[in-house]
Structures are given as structure tokens and as C-alpha cells.
Amino acid sequence: MVFGKIEYLNLLPFHVFMKRFTSSTQQSMSMNYYKGVPAQINNKFVSRRVDAAFISSIKSKKYRHLNMGIIAKKEVLSVLVIPQPHNKNDKESATSNILARILNIQGEVLIGDKALKYYLQNNNYTDLAKLWHERYSLPFVFALLCYHKDKKLYKKIERNFLKQKVKIPNYILNNSSKATGIKNKDILNYLTYISYNLDTKAKLGLKTFLNKAKKI
């Protein structure tokens, strides 16, 4: 079984959970990981070289998914548009590039850890999730946990992950800080802006986004 692993900080709690989950079940022997940025993981999933992954919302609508995703209730800090004379997509992204077009924001789209680092060092940016919430009073769903098979397994992962608050060990925080150049306290603060529960309001936000995406 191959799981697509996006190594952005926004999924750090999930990766910690999965490490514990696989070590406590028989899945530790069968779970392999393909690592990549969202656009790469999307392609691997669509071609079925990855069995499950957090798939960009714009690519997820044809596939089975859990009530789990990467969701911003308001601002997100790591999906930004930086003012530029010309529009520039982030090659790692799919959903965020479309979101910028829906919101009619001109500039360079920046996502992930590099965007969070930019946010911490600058103030000339537009937070796309914040602007989305201001316009539509809805959360924004950036990705959904999709799967091709083994529904029972992934429903178990959903139940166990969503019912607990994952504590990130200091050594993992330290490693993440070293890898990204972002301080531990800033990583922990950032994670307070991320939700994983695809609740009723998040589903409405997703539906609204997908309907608007059809028109551009």
C-alpha cells in the first residue's frame, strides 16, 4: 500500500499520528510512502501509483474521500499572493492557483512552508483563505484525504485521528524547524489555524469553491 505524503508543516500532526498508527497495527509492514508536493501527489494518485493521499480539492471531486481534509476556518498563513505586475502560479499547487483567479487577486501565488516563512518575515501579501472567508463567510478546503481502496482502513484512520489532539514530540518539532527555518513556536501557532474535520460548513465551502471553479 502506497500513501502519498506531502511534507508540508500543515500535515505534521497527521504524519505524527500515522507513525504511531502504523507502528501499533499490522499496517507497519505494508505501508509505504511516496513523498512529493501537492501537484506531484495529485498526478501519482490519479494514475493509481498512490493508493491514498491528501488530494487538492480541485482534483478530488471524482474520487472517494473521507470527512478529512486540510481546511482553513479563516486565515491560513501559508497560501498567499504576493503583489506582482503579472500573475504567477505556484507550480506546487493546483487548488490555490484556481482560488487566486476566483478571488481576482493579481500577483504571485505562494503555498506551503515557503509561504509561511514569507508570512513571518513580510507584510505585503494577501492571505487567500482569509479573503475567501471575508467574501463568503465559509471555511476553505484546500485538500481532501482520498483513497482508491481499503475503505475500512481509512475510515479507521479518520475515526482515530479526528477524535484526538495529536501532541508533536519536541524532537520532531526541532527537526521540522531545522528543515524549514521556522521556529518551533511559529510552527505550533501556525497549526492552530489548520483544521482537518470536513464538517457541514466546510462541505458547503468546498461545494461553493468547486461551483465557482467551473466558471473560470
N, C-alpha and C. Protein backbone atom coordinates (compact mmCIF):
# COMPACT_ATOMS: atom_id res chain seq x y z
N MET A 1 0.85 -1.20 0.00
CA MET A 1 0.00 0.00 0.00
C MET A 1 0.89 1.24 0.00
N VAL A 2 0.58 2.18 -0.88
CA VAL A 2 1.40 3.39 -1.00
C VAL A 2 0.57 4.61 -0.63
N PHE A 3 1.07 5.38 0.31
CA PHE A 3 0.40 6.61 0.75
C PHE A 3 1.21 7.79 0.26
N GLY A 4 0.52 8.75 -0.37
CA GLY A 4 1.18 9.96 -0.85
C GLY A 4 1.40 10.91 0.30
N LYS A 5 2.64 11.25 0.57
CA LYS A 5 2.98 12.06 1.74
C LYS A 5 3.45 13.45 1.32
N ILE A 6 2.65 14.45 1.65
CA ILE A 6 3.03 15.84 1.43
C ILE A 6 3.72 16.33 2.70
N GLU A 7 4.98 16.69 2.57
CA GLU A 7 5.75 17.03 3.76
C GLU A 7 5.72 18.53 4.08
N TYR A 8 4.54 19.10 4.01
CA TYR A 8 4.35 20.47 4.48
C TYR A 8 4.01 20.43 5.97
N LEU A 9 4.28 21.53 6.64
CA LEU A 9 4.01 21.61 8.08
C LEU A 9 2.53 21.45 8.40
N ASN A 10 1.64 21.80 7.46
CA ASN A 10 0.22 21.72 7.79
C ASN A 10 -0.25 20.29 8.03
N LEU A 11 0.54 19.29 7.61
CA LEU A 11 0.18 17.89 7.86
C LEU A 11 1.05 17.24 8.93
N LEU A 12 1.82 18.03 9.64
CA LEU A 12 2.70 17.48 10.67
C LEU A 12 1.94 16.66 11.71
N PRO A 13 0.81 17.13 12.25
CA PRO A 13 0.07 16.30 13.22
C PRO A 13 -0.38 14.97 12.63
N PHE A 14 -0.79 14.98 11.36
CA PHE A 14 -1.24 13.74 10.74
C PHE A 14 -0.08 12.76 10.55
N HIS A 15 1.08 13.26 10.17
CA HIS A 15 2.24 12.39 10.00
C HIS A 15 2.66 11.77 11.33
N VAL A 16 2.59 12.55 12.40
CA VAL A 16 2.90 12.02 13.74
C VAL A 16 1.89 10.93 14.10
N PHE A 17 0.62 11.19 13.84
CA PHE A 17 -0.42 10.19 14.11
C PHE A 17 -0.17 8.91 13.31
N MET A 18 0.13 9.05 12.02
CA MET A 18 0.31 7.87 11.17
C MET A 18 1.50 7.04 11.61
N LYS A 19 2.54 7.68 12.07
CA LYS A 19 3.70 6.95 12.56
C LYS A 19 3.30 6.06 13.74
N ARG A 20 2.49 6.59 14.63
CA ARG A 20 2.02 5.81 15.78
C ARG A 20 1.02 4.75 15.35
N PHE A 21 0.15 5.11 14.43
CA PHE A 21 -0.90 4.19 13.98
C PHE A 21 -0.30 2.97 13.29
N THR A 22 0.65 3.20 12.39
CA THR A 22 1.23 2.07 11.67
C THR A 22 2.11 1.20 12.57
N SER A 23 2.73 1.82 13.58
CA SER A 23 3.58 1.03 14.48
C SER A 23 2.77 0.18 15.44
N SER A 24 1.49 0.53 15.61
CA SER A 24 0.65 -0.21 16.55
C SER A 24 -0.30 -1.18 15.85
N THR A 25 -0.21 -1.25 14.53
CA THR A 25 -1.06 -2.16 13.77
C THR A 25 -0.21 -2.94 12.77
N GLN A 26 -0.82 -3.86 12.10
CA GLN A 26 -0.13 -4.65 11.09
C GLN A 26 0.25 -3.81 9.86
N GLN A 27 -0.28 -2.60 9.78
CA GLN A 27 -0.01 -1.76 8.61
C GLN A 27 1.45 -1.35 8.52
N SER A 28 2.20 -1.45 9.62
CA SER A 28 3.60 -1.04 9.58
C SER A 28 4.40 -1.83 8.57
N MET A 29 3.96 -3.05 8.26
CA MET A 29 4.67 -3.89 7.31
C MET A 29 4.27 -3.62 5.86
N SER A 30 3.12 -2.98 5.67
CA SER A 30 2.60 -2.85 4.31
C SER A 30 2.48 -1.41 3.81
N MET A 31 2.67 -0.43 4.68
CA MET A 31 2.50 0.97 4.30
C MET A 31 3.82 1.55 3.80
N ASN A 32 3.84 1.96 2.56
CA ASN A 32 4.99 2.67 2.00
C ASN A 32 4.55 4.09 1.65
N TYR A 33 5.53 4.97 1.50
CA TYR A 33 5.21 6.37 1.27
C TYR A 33 5.88 6.88 -0.01
N TYR A 34 5.11 7.66 -0.76
CA TYR A 34 5.67 8.42 -1.87
C TYR A 34 5.62 9.88 -1.45
N LYS A 35 6.76 10.54 -1.43
CA LYS A 35 6.84 11.91 -0.96
C LYS A 35 6.86 12.88 -2.13
N GLY A 36 6.15 13.99 -1.97
CA GLY A 36 6.15 14.99 -3.03
C GLY A 36 5.31 16.19 -2.65
N VAL A 37 5.30 17.19 -3.51
CA VAL A 37 4.47 18.38 -3.32
C VAL A 37 3.07 18.06 -3.83
N PRO A 38 2.07 18.88 -3.49
CA PRO A 38 0.68 18.55 -3.87
C PRO A 38 0.47 18.22 -5.34
N ALA A 39 1.04 18.99 -6.24
CA ALA A 39 0.82 18.73 -7.67
C ALA A 39 1.35 17.36 -8.07
N GLN A 40 2.49 16.96 -7.52
CA GLN A 40 3.06 15.64 -7.81
C GLN A 40 2.19 14.52 -7.24
N ILE A 41 1.74 14.71 -6.01
CA ILE A 41 0.90 13.69 -5.36
C ILE A 41 -0.41 13.53 -6.13
N ASN A 42 -0.99 14.63 -6.59
CA ASN A 42 -2.21 14.56 -7.39
C ASN A 42 -2.01 13.64 -8.59
N ASN A 43 -0.92 13.85 -9.31
CA ASN A 43 -0.66 13.06 -10.51
C ASN A 43 -0.45 11.58 -10.20
N LYS A 44 0.26 11.30 -9.12
CA LYS A 44 0.51 9.92 -8.74
C LYS A 44 -0.79 9.23 -8.32
N PHE A 45 -1.67 9.96 -7.66
CA PHE A 45 -2.94 9.39 -7.22
C PHE A 45 -3.85 9.11 -8.42
N VAL A 46 -3.95 10.07 -9.32
CA VAL A 46 -4.81 9.92 -10.49
C VAL A 46 -4.36 8.73 -11.33
N SER A 47 -3.05 8.51 -11.42
CA SER A 47 -2.52 7.39 -12.19
C SER A 47 -2.48 6.09 -11.39
N ARG A 48 -2.99 6.16 -10.15
CA ARG A 48 -3.12 5.00 -9.25
C ARG A 48 -1.76 4.42 -8.84
N ARG A 49 -0.73 5.24 -8.90
CA ARG A 49 0.56 4.81 -8.35
C ARG A 49 0.65 5.13 -6.86
N VAL A 50 -0.35 5.86 -6.37
CA VAL A 50 -0.52 6.13 -4.94
C VAL A 50 -1.94 5.69 -4.58
N ASP A 51 -2.08 4.95 -3.49
CA ASP A 51 -3.38 4.40 -3.10
C ASP A 51 -4.26 5.39 -2.34
N ALA A 52 -3.64 6.29 -1.60
CA ALA A 52 -4.39 7.28 -0.83
C ALA A 52 -3.49 8.48 -0.57
N ALA A 53 -4.10 9.65 -0.39
CA ALA A 53 -3.33 10.87 -0.17
C ALA A 53 -4.28 12.03 0.07
N PHE A 54 -3.74 13.12 0.59
CA PHE A 54 -4.47 14.38 0.62
C PHE A 54 -4.37 14.99 -0.78
N ILE A 55 -5.50 15.01 -1.48
CA ILE A 55 -5.54 15.45 -2.87
C ILE A 55 -6.14 16.85 -2.95
N SER A 56 -5.53 17.69 -3.77
CA SER A 56 -6.02 19.06 -3.94
C SER A 56 -7.51 19.06 -4.25
N SER A 57 -8.25 19.95 -3.63
CA SER A 57 -9.71 19.98 -3.76
C SER A 57 -10.16 19.99 -5.22
N ILE A 58 -9.46 20.75 -6.05
CA ILE A 58 -9.88 20.89 -7.44
C ILE A 58 -9.73 19.57 -8.20
N LYS A 59 -8.90 18.67 -7.70
CA LYS A 59 -8.67 17.37 -8.35
C LYS A 59 -9.44 16.24 -7.69
N SER A 60 -10.10 16.48 -6.58
CA SER A 60 -10.63 15.41 -5.74
C SER A 60 -12.05 14.98 -6.06
N LYS A 61 -12.79 15.74 -6.85
CA LYS A 61 -14.23 15.54 -6.93
C LYS A 61 -14.66 14.21 -7.53
N LYS A 62 -13.80 13.54 -8.29
CA LYS A 62 -14.16 12.26 -8.90
C LYS A 62 -13.86 11.07 -7.99
N TYR A 63 -13.23 11.32 -6.84
CA TYR A 63 -12.70 10.22 -6.06
C TYR A 63 -13.35 10.10 -4.68
N ARG A 64 -13.30 8.89 -4.15
CA ARG A 64 -13.82 8.66 -2.80
C ARG A 64 -12.94 9.38 -1.79
N HIS A 65 -13.57 9.96 -0.79
CA HIS A 65 -12.79 10.67 0.22
C HIS A 65 -13.42 10.51 1.60
N LEU A 66 -12.61 10.78 2.60
CA LEU A 66 -13.07 10.77 3.98
C LEU A 66 -13.59 12.15 4.35
N ASN A 67 -14.16 12.24 5.55
CA ASN A 67 -14.54 13.55 6.09
C ASN A 67 -13.33 14.20 6.75
N MET A 68 -12.25 14.21 6.02
CA MET A 68 -10.98 14.78 6.47
C MET A 68 -10.36 15.56 5.34
N GLY A 69 -9.72 16.65 5.69
CA GLY A 69 -9.04 17.45 4.69
C GLY A 69 -8.08 18.42 5.33
N ILE A 70 -7.54 19.31 4.53
CA ILE A 70 -6.74 20.43 5.03
C ILE A 70 -7.60 21.67 4.86
N ILE A 71 -8.03 22.23 5.99
CA ILE A 71 -9.10 23.23 5.98
C ILE A 71 -8.69 24.45 6.78
N ALA A 72 -8.98 25.62 6.26
CA ALA A 72 -8.78 26.87 6.99
C ALA A 72 -10.14 27.45 7.34
N LYS A 73 -10.39 27.62 8.61
CA LYS A 73 -11.66 28.22 9.03
C LYS A 73 -11.72 29.69 8.64
N LYS A 74 -10.60 30.37 8.78
CA LYS A 74 -10.50 31.77 8.35
C LYS A 74 -9.17 31.92 7.61
N GLU A 75 -8.19 32.64 8.21
CA GLU A 75 -6.90 32.74 7.54
C GLU A 75 -6.12 31.44 7.67
N VAL A 76 -5.07 31.31 6.81
CA VAL A 76 -4.30 30.06 6.82
C VAL A 76 -2.80 30.31 6.95
N LEU A 77 -2.33 31.49 6.61
CA LEU A 77 -0.93 31.93 6.76
C LEU A 77 0.03 31.32 5.73
N SER A 78 -0.36 30.27 5.06
CA SER A 78 0.57 29.57 4.17
C SER A 78 0.06 29.45 2.73
N VAL A 79 -0.96 30.21 2.39
CA VAL A 79 -1.42 30.30 1.00
C VAL A 79 -1.60 31.79 0.72
N LEU A 80 -0.63 32.35 0.04
CA LEU A 80 -0.56 33.80 -0.11
C LEU A 80 -0.47 34.19 -1.58
N VAL A 81 -0.83 35.43 -1.84
CA VAL A 81 -0.49 36.06 -3.12
C VAL A 81 0.35 37.28 -2.80
N ILE A 82 1.52 37.34 -3.42
CA ILE A 82 2.44 38.46 -3.24
C ILE A 82 2.24 39.42 -4.41
N PRO A 83 2.08 40.71 -4.14
CA PRO A 83 1.86 41.67 -5.23
C PRO A 83 2.96 41.63 -6.28
N GLN A 84 2.55 41.47 -7.53
CA GLN A 84 3.47 41.46 -8.68
C GLN A 84 2.73 42.08 -9.86
N PRO A 85 3.47 42.65 -10.83
CA PRO A 85 2.80 43.22 -12.01
C PRO A 85 2.08 42.17 -12.85
N HIS A 86 2.57 40.92 -12.80
CA HIS A 86 1.97 39.86 -13.60
C HIS A 86 1.62 38.67 -12.70
N ASN A 87 0.60 37.93 -13.10
CA ASN A 87 0.21 36.75 -12.34
C ASN A 87 1.24 35.63 -12.52
N LYS A 88 1.48 34.90 -11.45
CA LYS A 88 2.41 33.77 -11.49
C LYS A 88 1.88 32.67 -10.58
N ASN A 89 1.66 31.50 -11.15
CA ASN A 89 1.19 30.36 -10.37
C ASN A 89 2.33 29.74 -9.58
N ASP A 90 1.97 29.03 -8.51
CA ASP A 90 2.92 28.20 -7.79
C ASP A 90 2.86 26.81 -8.40
N LYS A 91 3.98 26.33 -8.94
CA LYS A 91 3.98 25.04 -9.63
C LYS A 91 3.69 23.87 -8.70
N GLU A 92 3.79 24.08 -7.39
CA GLU A 92 3.49 23.01 -6.43
C GLU A 92 2.00 22.89 -6.18
N SER A 93 1.24 23.86 -6.63
CA SER A 93 -0.17 23.96 -6.26
C SER A 93 -1.10 23.58 -7.41
N ALA A 94 -2.34 23.30 -7.04
CA ALA A 94 -3.43 23.17 -8.02
C ALA A 94 -4.58 24.04 -7.56
N THR A 95 -5.09 23.76 -6.39
CA THR A 95 -6.25 24.48 -5.85
C THR A 95 -5.98 25.96 -5.63
N SER A 96 -4.84 26.29 -5.06
CA SER A 96 -4.58 27.69 -4.69
C SER A 96 -4.46 28.59 -5.90
N ASN A 97 -3.92 28.07 -6.99
CA ASN A 97 -3.85 28.87 -8.22
C ASN A 97 -5.25 29.22 -8.73
N ILE A 98 -6.15 28.26 -8.66
CA ILE A 98 -7.55 28.50 -9.06
C ILE A 98 -8.22 29.47 -8.11
N LEU A 99 -7.96 29.31 -6.81
CA LEU A 99 -8.57 30.19 -5.81
C LEU A 99 -8.17 31.65 -6.06
N ALA A 100 -6.92 31.89 -6.38
CA ALA A 100 -6.48 33.26 -6.67
C ALA A 100 -7.24 33.85 -7.85
N ARG A 101 -7.52 33.02 -8.85
CA ARG A 101 -8.28 33.50 -10.01
C ARG A 101 -9.74 33.79 -9.64
N ILE A 102 -10.33 32.93 -8.83
CA ILE A 102 -11.71 33.16 -8.38
C ILE A 102 -11.82 34.48 -7.61
N LEU A 103 -10.83 34.72 -6.76
CA LEU A 103 -10.85 35.93 -5.93
C LEU A 103 -10.32 37.15 -6.69
N ASN A 104 -9.84 36.93 -7.92
CA ASN A 104 -9.35 38.01 -8.78
C ASN A 104 -8.23 38.80 -8.11
N ILE A 105 -7.26 38.05 -7.57
CA ILE A 105 -6.11 38.67 -6.92
C ILE A 105 -4.90 38.52 -7.83
N GLN A 106 -4.30 39.65 -8.17
CA GLN A 106 -3.15 39.63 -9.07
C GLN A 106 -1.86 39.49 -8.28
N GLY A 107 -0.93 38.69 -8.81
CA GLY A 107 0.38 38.56 -8.19
C GLY A 107 0.89 37.14 -8.27
N GLU A 108 1.84 36.86 -7.42
CA GLU A 108 2.48 35.54 -7.38
C GLU A 108 1.87 34.69 -6.28
N VAL A 109 1.36 33.52 -6.64
CA VAL A 109 0.82 32.58 -5.66
C VAL A 109 1.98 31.85 -4.99
N LEU A 110 1.89 31.77 -3.68
CA LEU A 110 2.92 31.10 -2.89
C LEU A 110 2.23 30.22 -1.87
N ILE A 111 2.60 28.91 -1.82
CA ILE A 111 1.94 27.99 -0.89
C ILE A 111 2.97 27.23 -0.06
N GLY A 112 2.48 26.61 1.00
CA GLY A 112 3.30 25.70 1.79
C GLY A 112 4.25 26.39 2.75
N ASP A 113 5.31 25.68 3.11
CA ASP A 113 6.23 26.18 4.13
C ASP A 113 6.94 27.44 3.69
N LYS A 114 7.26 27.55 2.41
CA LYS A 114 7.93 28.77 1.92
C LYS A 114 7.00 29.98 2.06
N ALA A 115 5.68 29.75 1.90
CA ALA A 115 4.72 30.84 2.08
C ALA A 115 4.62 31.23 3.55
N LEU A 116 4.61 30.24 4.43
CA LEU A 116 4.57 30.54 5.87
C LEU A 116 5.81 31.34 6.28
N LYS A 117 6.95 30.94 5.76
CA LYS A 117 8.18 31.67 6.07
C LYS A 117 8.10 33.10 5.55
N TYR A 118 7.54 33.29 4.37
CA TYR A 118 7.35 34.64 3.83
C TYR A 118 6.43 35.45 4.73
N TYR A 119 5.32 34.83 5.15
CA TYR A 119 4.36 35.49 6.04
C TYR A 119 5.03 35.99 7.32
N LEU A 120 5.92 35.19 7.87
CA LEU A 120 6.57 35.54 9.13
C LEU A 120 7.58 36.67 8.98
N GLN A 121 8.01 36.93 7.75
CA GLN A 121 9.07 37.92 7.52
C GLN A 121 8.60 39.17 6.78
N ASN A 122 7.35 39.15 6.29
CA ASN A 122 6.87 40.25 5.45
C ASN A 122 5.42 40.59 5.79
N ASN A 123 4.96 41.71 5.28
CA ASN A 123 3.55 42.08 5.48
C ASN A 123 2.84 42.49 4.19
N ASN A 124 3.50 42.32 3.06
CA ASN A 124 2.88 42.66 1.76
C ASN A 124 2.39 41.40 1.08
N TYR A 125 1.22 40.96 1.45
CA TYR A 125 0.65 39.73 0.90
C TYR A 125 -0.85 39.75 1.12
N THR A 126 -1.55 38.87 0.38
CA THR A 126 -2.96 38.59 0.62
C THR A 126 -3.09 37.14 1.03
N ASP A 127 -3.69 36.91 2.18
CA ASP A 127 -3.97 35.55 2.64
C ASP A 127 -5.26 35.10 1.95
N LEU A 128 -5.16 34.12 1.05
CA LEU A 128 -6.31 33.76 0.22
C LEU A 128 -7.45 33.15 1.03
N ALA A 129 -7.14 32.38 2.03
CA ALA A 129 -8.21 31.79 2.85
C ALA A 129 -8.95 32.86 3.64
N LYS A 130 -8.22 33.85 4.12
CA LYS A 130 -8.84 34.95 4.85
C LYS A 130 -9.78 35.74 3.94
N LEU A 131 -9.30 36.04 2.73
CA LEU A 131 -10.12 36.79 1.79
C LEU A 131 -11.35 35.98 1.39
N TRP A 132 -11.19 34.68 1.18
CA TRP A 132 -12.32 33.80 0.87
C TRP A 132 -13.37 33.88 1.98
N HIS A 133 -12.93 33.81 3.22
CA HIS A 133 -13.87 33.86 4.35
C HIS A 133 -14.56 35.21 4.43
N GLU A 134 -13.83 36.27 4.18
CA GLU A 134 -14.43 37.61 4.21
C GLU A 134 -15.52 37.74 3.15
N ARG A 135 -15.33 37.13 2.01
CA ARG A 135 -16.30 37.26 0.91
C ARG A 135 -17.49 36.30 1.06
N TYR A 136 -17.24 35.08 1.55
CA TYR A 136 -18.29 34.06 1.53
C TYR A 136 -18.67 33.53 2.91
N SER A 137 -17.98 33.97 3.95
CA SER A 137 -18.26 33.51 5.34
C SER A 137 -18.24 31.99 5.44
N LEU A 138 -17.30 31.36 4.74
CA LEU A 138 -17.16 29.91 4.73
C LEU A 138 -15.70 29.52 4.90
N PRO A 139 -15.46 28.34 5.48
CA PRO A 139 -14.09 27.81 5.51
C PRO A 139 -13.63 27.51 4.09
N PHE A 140 -12.31 27.38 3.93
CA PHE A 140 -11.80 26.95 2.63
C PHE A 140 -11.11 25.61 2.77
N VAL A 141 -11.49 24.68 1.90
CA VAL A 141 -10.94 23.31 1.91
C VAL A 141 -9.88 23.22 0.82
N PHE A 142 -8.63 23.07 1.23
CA PHE A 142 -7.53 23.01 0.27
C PHE A 142 -7.32 21.61 -0.27
N ALA A 143 -7.63 20.59 0.53
CA ALA A 143 -7.39 19.22 0.09
C ALA A 143 -8.30 18.27 0.85
N LEU A 144 -8.53 17.09 0.26
CA LEU A 144 -9.32 16.03 0.90
C LEU A 144 -8.48 14.76 0.95
N LEU A 145 -8.68 13.97 2.00
CA LEU A 145 -8.00 12.68 2.08
C LEU A 145 -8.78 11.68 1.23
N CYS A 146 -8.23 11.36 0.06
CA CYS A 146 -8.89 10.48 -0.91
C CYS A 146 -8.22 9.11 -0.92
N TYR A 147 -8.96 8.12 -1.38
CA TYR A 147 -8.42 6.76 -1.43
C TYR A 147 -9.04 6.00 -2.59
N HIS A 148 -8.32 5.00 -3.08
CA HIS A 148 -8.82 4.13 -4.14
C HIS A 148 -9.45 2.85 -3.60
N LYS A 149 -8.92 2.36 -2.49
CA LYS A 149 -9.36 1.08 -1.93
C LYS A 149 -9.12 1.08 -0.43
N ASP A 150 -9.46 -0.05 0.21
CA ASP A 150 -9.27 -0.21 1.66
C ASP A 150 -10.05 0.83 2.47
N LYS A 151 -11.33 0.99 2.11
CA LYS A 151 -12.17 1.96 2.80
C LYS A 151 -12.20 1.73 4.30
N LYS A 152 -12.30 0.50 4.73
CA LYS A 152 -12.38 0.19 6.15
C LYS A 152 -11.17 0.71 6.91
N LEU A 153 -9.99 0.52 6.32
CA LEU A 153 -8.77 1.01 6.95
C LEU A 153 -8.79 2.52 7.09
N TYR A 154 -9.15 3.22 6.03
CA TYR A 154 -9.09 4.68 6.06
C TYR A 154 -10.19 5.29 6.93
N LYS A 155 -11.32 4.62 7.04
CA LYS A 155 -12.35 5.08 7.98
C LYS A 155 -11.85 4.93 9.41
N LYS A 156 -11.08 3.89 9.66
CA LYS A 156 -10.48 3.72 11.00
C LYS A 156 -9.48 4.83 11.28
N ILE A 157 -8.68 5.17 10.29
CA ILE A 157 -7.75 6.29 10.44
C ILE A 157 -8.51 7.57 10.72
N GLU A 158 -9.57 7.81 9.98
CA GLU A 158 -10.39 9.01 10.20
C GLU A 158 -10.92 9.07 11.62
N ARG A 159 -11.54 7.99 12.08
CA ARG A 159 -12.12 7.97 13.43
C ARG A 159 -11.07 8.26 14.49
N ASN A 160 -9.95 7.60 14.39
CA ASN A 160 -8.92 7.73 15.42
C ASN A 160 -8.22 9.08 15.37
N PHE A 161 -7.97 9.59 14.18
CA PHE A 161 -7.27 10.87 14.08
C PHE A 161 -8.13 12.03 14.55
N LEU A 162 -9.39 12.06 14.12
CA LEU A 162 -10.24 13.21 14.42
C LEU A 162 -10.67 13.27 15.88
N LYS A 163 -10.61 12.16 16.58
CA LYS A 163 -11.09 12.18 17.97
C LYS A 163 -10.01 12.59 18.97
N GLN A 164 -8.79 12.77 18.51
CA GLN A 164 -7.71 13.09 19.43
C GLN A 164 -6.95 14.33 19.00
N LYS A 165 -6.32 14.97 19.97
CA LYS A 165 -5.42 16.08 19.68
C LYS A 165 -4.01 15.52 19.69
N VAL A 166 -3.34 15.59 18.56
CA VAL A 166 -2.02 14.97 18.43
C VAL A 166 -0.96 15.89 19.02
N LYS A 167 -0.19 15.35 19.95
CA LYS A 167 0.93 16.10 20.52
C LYS A 167 2.18 15.79 19.71
N ILE A 168 2.84 16.83 19.27
CA ILE A 168 4.03 16.66 18.44
C ILE A 168 5.27 16.61 19.34
N PRO A 169 6.00 15.52 19.32
CA PRO A 169 7.20 15.42 20.15
C PRO A 169 8.22 16.52 19.83
N ASN A 170 8.96 16.92 20.85
CA ASN A 170 9.92 18.01 20.66
C ASN A 170 10.97 17.70 19.60
N TYR A 171 11.39 16.44 19.52
CA TYR A 171 12.44 16.12 18.55
C TYR A 171 11.91 16.28 17.11
N ILE A 172 10.63 16.01 16.89
CA ILE A 172 10.05 16.22 15.57
C ILE A 172 9.89 17.70 15.27
N LEU A 173 9.47 18.45 16.27
CA LEU A 173 9.39 19.91 16.11
C LEU A 173 10.76 20.49 15.77
N ASN A 174 11.76 20.03 16.50
CA ASN A 174 13.12 20.53 16.27
C ASN A 174 13.59 20.20 14.86
N ASN A 175 13.32 18.98 14.42
CA ASN A 175 13.72 18.57 13.06
C ASN A 175 12.99 19.39 12.01
N SER A 176 11.69 19.63 12.25
CA SER A 176 10.89 20.42 11.30
C SER A 176 11.37 21.86 11.25
N SER A 177 11.72 22.39 12.40
CA SER A 177 12.24 23.75 12.46
C SER A 177 13.56 23.87 11.71
N LYS A 178 14.41 22.89 11.90
CA LYS A 178 15.71 22.90 11.22
C LYS A 178 15.54 22.80 9.70
N ALA A 179 14.59 21.96 9.27
CA ALA A 179 14.37 21.73 7.84
C ALA A 179 13.76 22.94 7.14
N THR A 180 12.91 23.69 7.86
CA THR A 180 12.17 24.79 7.24
C THR A 180 12.72 26.18 7.57
N GLY A 181 13.51 26.26 8.64
CA GLY A 181 13.97 27.57 9.09
C GLY A 181 12.89 28.35 9.82
N ILE A 182 11.86 27.65 10.31
CA ILE A 182 10.75 28.28 11.04
C ILE A 182 10.81 27.84 12.50
N LYS A 183 10.69 28.77 13.41
CA LYS A 183 10.83 28.47 14.83
C LYS A 183 9.72 27.55 15.34
N ASN A 184 10.04 26.78 16.37
CA ASN A 184 9.07 25.86 16.96
C ASN A 184 7.78 26.56 17.33
N LYS A 185 7.90 27.70 17.98
CA LYS A 185 6.70 28.41 18.45
C LYS A 185 5.84 28.87 17.27
N ASP A 186 6.48 29.23 16.17
CA ASP A 186 5.74 29.66 14.99
C ASP A 186 5.06 28.49 14.30
N ILE A 187 5.70 27.32 14.33
CA ILE A 187 5.07 26.12 13.78
C ILE A 187 3.81 25.79 14.58
N LEU A 188 3.92 25.80 15.90
CA LEU A 188 2.78 25.45 16.75
C LEU A 188 1.65 26.46 16.60
N ASN A 189 2.01 27.74 16.49
CA ASN A 189 0.98 28.76 16.29
C ASN A 189 0.28 28.56 14.95
N TYR A 190 1.06 28.28 13.91
CA TYR A 190 0.50 28.05 12.58
C TYR A 190 -0.50 26.91 12.58
N LEU A 191 -0.20 25.85 13.28
CA LEU A 191 -1.08 24.67 13.28
C LEU A 191 -2.43 24.95 13.94
N THR A 192 -2.53 26.01 14.73
CA THR A 192 -3.84 26.36 15.31
C THR A 192 -4.80 26.90 14.25
N TYR A 193 -4.27 27.27 13.11
CA TYR A 193 -5.11 27.79 12.02
C TYR A 193 -5.61 26.68 11.09
N ILE A 194 -5.10 25.47 11.28
CA ILE A 194 -5.44 24.35 10.40
C ILE A 194 -6.46 23.43 11.06
N SER A 195 -7.50 23.10 10.32
CA SER A 195 -8.49 22.11 10.76
C SER A 195 -8.45 20.93 9.80
N TYR A 196 -8.84 19.76 10.31
CA TYR A 196 -8.83 18.55 9.47
C TYR A 196 -10.22 17.94 9.34
N ASN A 197 -11.18 18.50 10.04
CA ASN A 197 -12.53 17.94 10.10
C ASN A 197 -13.41 18.56 9.02
N LEU A 198 -13.81 17.73 8.07
CA LEU A 198 -14.68 18.20 6.98
C LEU A 198 -16.12 18.18 7.49
N ASP A 199 -16.48 19.22 8.23
CA ASP A 199 -17.82 19.30 8.81
C ASP A 199 -18.79 19.92 7.80
N THR A 200 -20.01 20.16 8.23
CA THR A 200 -21.06 20.64 7.32
C THR A 200 -20.69 21.96 6.66
N LYS A 201 -20.14 22.88 7.44
CA LYS A 201 -19.81 24.19 6.89
C LYS A 201 -18.63 24.08 5.91
N ALA A 202 -17.66 23.21 6.24
CA ALA A 202 -16.54 23.02 5.33
C ALA A 202 -17.00 22.39 4.01
N LYS A 203 -17.95 21.48 4.10
CA LYS A 203 -18.50 20.87 2.87
C LYS A 203 -19.18 21.92 2.00
N LEU A 204 -19.87 22.86 2.64
CA LEU A 204 -20.50 23.94 1.88
C LEU A 204 -19.45 24.83 1.24
N GLY A 205 -18.36 25.10 1.98
CA GLY A 205 -17.26 25.88 1.41
C GLY A 205 -16.66 25.19 0.21
N LEU A 206 -16.48 23.86 0.30
CA LEU A 206 -15.92 23.09 -0.80
C LEU A 206 -16.85 23.13 -2.01
N LYS A 207 -18.14 22.93 -1.78
CA LYS A 207 -19.11 22.95 -2.87
C LYS A 207 -19.12 24.32 -3.56
N THR A 208 -19.07 25.38 -2.78
CA THR A 208 -19.04 26.73 -3.34
C THR A 208 -17.82 26.94 -4.21
N PHE A 209 -16.67 26.50 -3.71
CA PHE A 209 -15.43 26.65 -4.48
C PHE A 209 -15.50 25.89 -5.80
N LEU A 210 -15.94 24.64 -5.75
CA LEU A 210 -15.98 23.82 -6.97
C LEU A 210 -16.97 24.38 -8.00
N ASN A 211 -18.08 24.94 -7.53
CA ASN A 211 -19.04 25.56 -8.44
C ASN A 211 -18.44 26.79 -9.11
N LYS A 212 -17.72 27.58 -8.35
CA LYS A 212 -17.11 28.78 -8.91
C LYS A 212 -15.96 28.43 -9.85
N ALA A 213 -15.26 27.35 -9.53
CA ALA A 213 -14.13 26.94 -10.37
C ALA A 213 -14.59 26.52 -11.77
N LYS A 214 -15.82 26.03 -11.88
CA LYS A 214 -16.35 25.63 -13.18
C LYS A 214 -16.49 26.80 -14.13
N LYS A 215 -16.60 28.00 -13.57
CA LYS A 215 -16.93 29.18 -14.36
C LYS A 215 -15.69 29.95 -14.83
N ILE A 216 -14.54 29.48 -14.45
CA ILE A 216 -13.34 30.25 -14.85
C ILE A 216 -12.49 29.45 -15.87
